[in-house]
Amino acid sequence: MLAKKKRITKELFQVIMKNGRVIHSPLFTFRYIKHDPGYAFAVPKAVSKRAVDRNSLRRKGYNTLRTCSLKPVAGVFLYKKMAEKPSALYIKENIVFILDKITF
């Protein structure tokens, strides 16, 4: 998991979802605003009906994000519906792709 300082609050989550800019990758939709660094992962029920699978994807995302160089933004990674469970390497490729595309 990410340190609590690097995660976003519920209030900030709502602000990001309402006013954030959007970047798409094959695996994620990333919404972000310029703010103190903070990140979250959200896995909709459309991706998997089982909570165990959704939580597993969320944890994989957080663990992969810990190894990446973070940008000074607050953002939410939203998983897209996929045919099979993504590997940790595929998740990392998509996160790096998104973080490289962030501009202001």
C-alpha atoms as a PDB file:
ATOM      1  CA  MET A   1       0.000   0.000   0.000  1.00  0.00           C
ATOM      2  CA  LEU A   2       0.962   3.600  -0.401  1.00  0.00           C
ATOM      3  CA  ALA A   3       1.695   5.618   2.685  1.00  0.00           C
ATOM      4  CA  LYS A   4      -1.380   7.410   4.013  1.00  0.00           C
ATOM      5  CA  LYS A   5       0.231  10.773   3.165  1.00  0.00           C
ATOM      6  CA  LYS A   6       0.296   9.785  -0.516  1.00  0.00           C
ATOM      7  CA  ARG A   7      -3.365   8.721  -0.691  1.00  0.00           C
ATOM      8  CA  ILE A   8      -6.282  11.079  -1.259  1.00  0.00           C
ATOM      9  CA  THR A   9      -9.244  11.822   1.002  1.00  0.00           C
ATOM     10  CA  LYS A  10     -12.908  11.228   0.178  1.00  0.00           C
ATOM     11  CA  GLU A  11     -13.504  14.958  -0.290  1.00  0.00           C
ATOM     12  CA  LEU A  12     -10.554  15.313  -2.668  1.00  0.00           C
ATOM     13  CA  PHE A  13     -11.719  12.188  -4.539  1.00  0.00           C
ATOM     14  CA  GLN A  14     -15.055  13.882  -5.264  1.00  0.00           C
ATOM     15  CA  VAL A  15     -13.328  17.081  -6.426  1.00  0.00           C
ATOM     16  CA  ILE A  16     -11.062  15.118  -8.751  1.00  0.00           C
ATOM     17  CA  MET A  17     -13.964  13.162 -10.235  1.00  0.00           C
ATOM     18  CA  LYS A  18     -15.923  16.360 -10.836  1.00  0.00           C
ATOM     19  CA  ASN A  19     -13.216  18.780 -12.036  1.00  0.00           C
ATOM     20  CA  GLY A  20     -10.209  16.654 -13.008  1.00  0.00           C
ATOM     21  CA  ARG A  21      -8.463  16.352 -16.339  1.00  0.00           C
ATOM     22  CA  VAL A  22      -8.533  12.932 -18.000  1.00  0.00           C
ATOM     23  CA  ILE A  23      -5.861  10.671 -19.520  1.00  0.00           C
ATOM     24  CA  HIS A  24      -6.660   7.250 -21.002  1.00  0.00           C
ATOM     25  CA  SER A  25      -4.517   4.141 -21.334  1.00  0.00           C
ATOM     26  CA  PRO A  26      -5.531   0.604 -22.348  1.00  0.00           C
ATOM     27  CA  LEU A  27      -5.968  -0.402 -18.686  1.00  0.00           C
ATOM     28  CA  PHE A  28      -6.831   2.836 -16.843  1.00  0.00           C
ATOM     29  CA  THR A  29      -8.703   6.085 -17.029  1.00  0.00           C
ATOM     30  CA  PHE A  30      -6.746   8.597 -14.939  1.00  0.00           C
ATOM     31  CA  ARG A  31      -8.396  11.745 -13.558  1.00  0.00           C
ATOM     32  CA  TYR A  32      -6.157  14.336 -11.918  1.00  0.00           C
ATOM     33  CA  ILE A  33      -5.824  17.888 -10.645  1.00  0.00           C
ATOM     34  CA  LYS A  34      -2.782  19.945  -9.698  1.00  0.00           C
ATOM     35  CA  HIS A  35      -2.581  19.523  -5.928  1.00  0.00           C
ATOM     36  CA  ASP A  36      -0.374  18.034  -3.234  1.00  0.00           C
ATOM     37  CA  PRO A  37       0.653  14.558  -4.410  1.00  0.00           C
ATOM     38  CA  GLY A  38      -1.909  11.882  -3.675  1.00  0.00           C
ATOM     39  CA  TYR A  39      -3.243   8.885  -5.555  1.00  0.00           C
ATOM     40  CA  ALA A  40      -6.099   6.389  -5.372  1.00  0.00           C
ATOM     41  CA  PHE A  41      -7.223   3.312  -7.288  1.00  0.00           C
ATOM     42  CA  ALA A  42     -10.871   2.543  -7.989  1.00  0.00           C
ATOM     43  CA  VAL A  43     -12.156  -0.704  -9.437  1.00  0.00           C
ATOM     44  CA  PRO A  44     -15.800  -0.576 -10.572  1.00  0.00           C
ATOM     45  CA  LYS A  45     -18.119  -3.543 -10.164  1.00  0.00           C
ATOM     46  CA  ALA A  46     -18.288  -3.803 -13.953  1.00  0.00           C
ATOM     47  CA  VAL A  47     -14.656  -4.995 -13.904  1.00  0.00           C
ATOM     48  CA  SER A  48     -15.359  -7.853 -11.489  1.00  0.00           C
ATOM     49  CA  LYS A  49     -18.383  -8.794  -9.441  1.00  0.00           C
ATOM     50  CA  ARG A  50     -16.250 -10.315  -6.678  1.00  0.00           C
ATOM     51  CA  ALA A  51     -14.914  -7.916  -4.043  1.00  0.00           C
ATOM     52  CA  VAL A  52     -11.888 -10.167  -3.567  1.00  0.00           C
ATOM     53  CA  ASP A  53     -10.839  -9.621  -7.186  1.00  0.00           C
ATOM     54  CA  ARG A  54     -11.480  -5.862  -7.060  1.00  0.00           C
ATOM     55  CA  ASN A  55      -9.424  -5.501  -3.879  1.00  0.00           C
ATOM     56  CA  SER A  56      -6.638  -7.579  -5.391  1.00  0.00           C
ATOM     57  CA  LEU A  57      -6.461  -5.268  -8.428  1.00  0.00           C
ATOM     58  CA  ARG A  58      -6.471  -2.213  -6.175  1.00  0.00           C
ATOM     59  CA  ARG A  59      -3.606  -3.591  -4.043  1.00  0.00           C
ATOM     60  CA  LYS A  60      -1.588  -4.505  -7.148  1.00  0.00           C
ATOM     61  CA  GLY A  61      -1.983  -0.934  -8.373  1.00  0.00           C
ATOM     62  CA  TYR A  62      -0.855   0.591  -5.071  1.00  0.00           C
ATOM     63  CA  ASN A  63       2.150  -1.732  -4.807  1.00  0.00           C
ATOM     64  CA  THR A  64       3.208  -0.955  -8.368  1.00  0.00           C
ATOM     65  CA  LEU A  65       2.770   2.789  -7.862  1.00  0.00           C
ATOM     66  CA  ARG A  66       5.182   2.713  -4.908  1.00  0.00           C
ATOM     67  CA  THR A  67       8.049   1.872  -7.284  1.00  0.00           C
ATOM     68  CA  CYS A  68       7.270   4.673  -9.770  1.00  0.00           C
ATOM     69  CA  SER A  69       8.443   8.272  -9.657  1.00  0.00           C
ATOM     70  CA  LEU A  70       5.374  10.312  -8.740  1.00  0.00           C
ATOM     71  CA  LYS A  71       4.285  13.659 -10.176  1.00  0.00           C
ATOM     72  CA  PRO A  72       2.964  16.591  -8.072  1.00  0.00           C
ATOM     73  CA  VAL A  73      -0.701  15.849  -8.803  1.00  0.00           C
ATOM     74  CA  ALA A  74      -3.628  14.283  -7.004  1.00  0.00           C
ATOM     75  CA  GLY A  75      -5.272  11.636  -9.143  1.00  0.00           C
ATOM     76  CA  VAL A  76      -7.467   8.581  -9.355  1.00  0.00           C
ATOM     77  CA  PHE A  77      -6.683   5.512 -11.452  1.00  0.00           C
ATOM     78  CA  LEU A  78      -9.953   3.921 -12.622  1.00  0.00           C
ATOM     79  CA  TYR A  79      -9.616   0.394 -13.981  1.00  0.00           C
ATOM     80  CA  LYS A  80     -11.315  -0.351 -17.289  1.00  0.00           C
ATOM     81  CA  LYS A  81     -13.109  -3.603 -18.019  1.00  0.00           C
ATOM     82  CA  MET A  82     -10.663  -6.192 -19.361  1.00  0.00           C
ATOM     83  CA  ALA A  83     -10.799  -9.795 -20.565  1.00  0.00           C
ATOM     84  CA  GLU A  84      -8.401 -11.187 -17.944  1.00  0.00           C
ATOM     85  CA  LYS A  85      -6.504 -10.122 -14.843  1.00  0.00           C
ATOM     86  CA  PRO A  86      -3.544  -7.895 -15.754  1.00  0.00           C
ATOM     87  CA  SER A  87      -0.024  -8.801 -14.668  1.00  0.00           C
ATOM     88  CA  ALA A  88       2.041  -6.520 -12.429  1.00  0.00           C
ATOM     89  CA  LEU A  89       4.283  -5.668 -15.404  1.00  0.00           C
ATOM     90  CA  TYR A  90       1.295  -4.611 -17.544  1.00  0.00           C
ATOM     91  CA  ILE A  91      -0.031  -2.470 -14.687  1.00  0.00           C
ATOM     92  CA  LYS A  92       3.373  -0.790 -14.309  1.00  0.00           C
ATOM     93  CA  GLU A  93       3.620  -0.083 -18.054  1.00  0.00           C
ATOM     94  CA  ASN A  94       0.217   1.619 -18.011  1.00  0.00           C
ATOM     95  CA  ILE A  95       1.000   3.661 -14.880  1.00  0.00           C
ATOM     96  CA  VAL A  96       4.329   4.870 -16.325  1.00  0.00           C
ATOM     97  CA  PHE A  97       2.592   5.693 -19.617  1.00  0.00           C
ATOM     98  CA  ILE A  98       0.012   7.824 -17.790  1.00  0.00           C
ATOM     99  CA  LEU A  99       2.488   9.577 -15.505  1.00  0.00           C
ATOM    100  CA  ASP A 100       4.620  10.511 -18.534  1.00  0.00           C
ATOM    101  CA  LYS A 101       1.610  12.119 -20.274  1.00  0.00           C
ATOM    102  CA  ILE A 102       0.700  14.464 -17.375  1.00  0.00           C
ATOM    103  CA  THR A 103       0.942  18.131 -18.391  1.00  0.00           C
ATOM    104  CA  PHE A 104      -0.249  21.470 -17.058  1.00  0.00           C
END
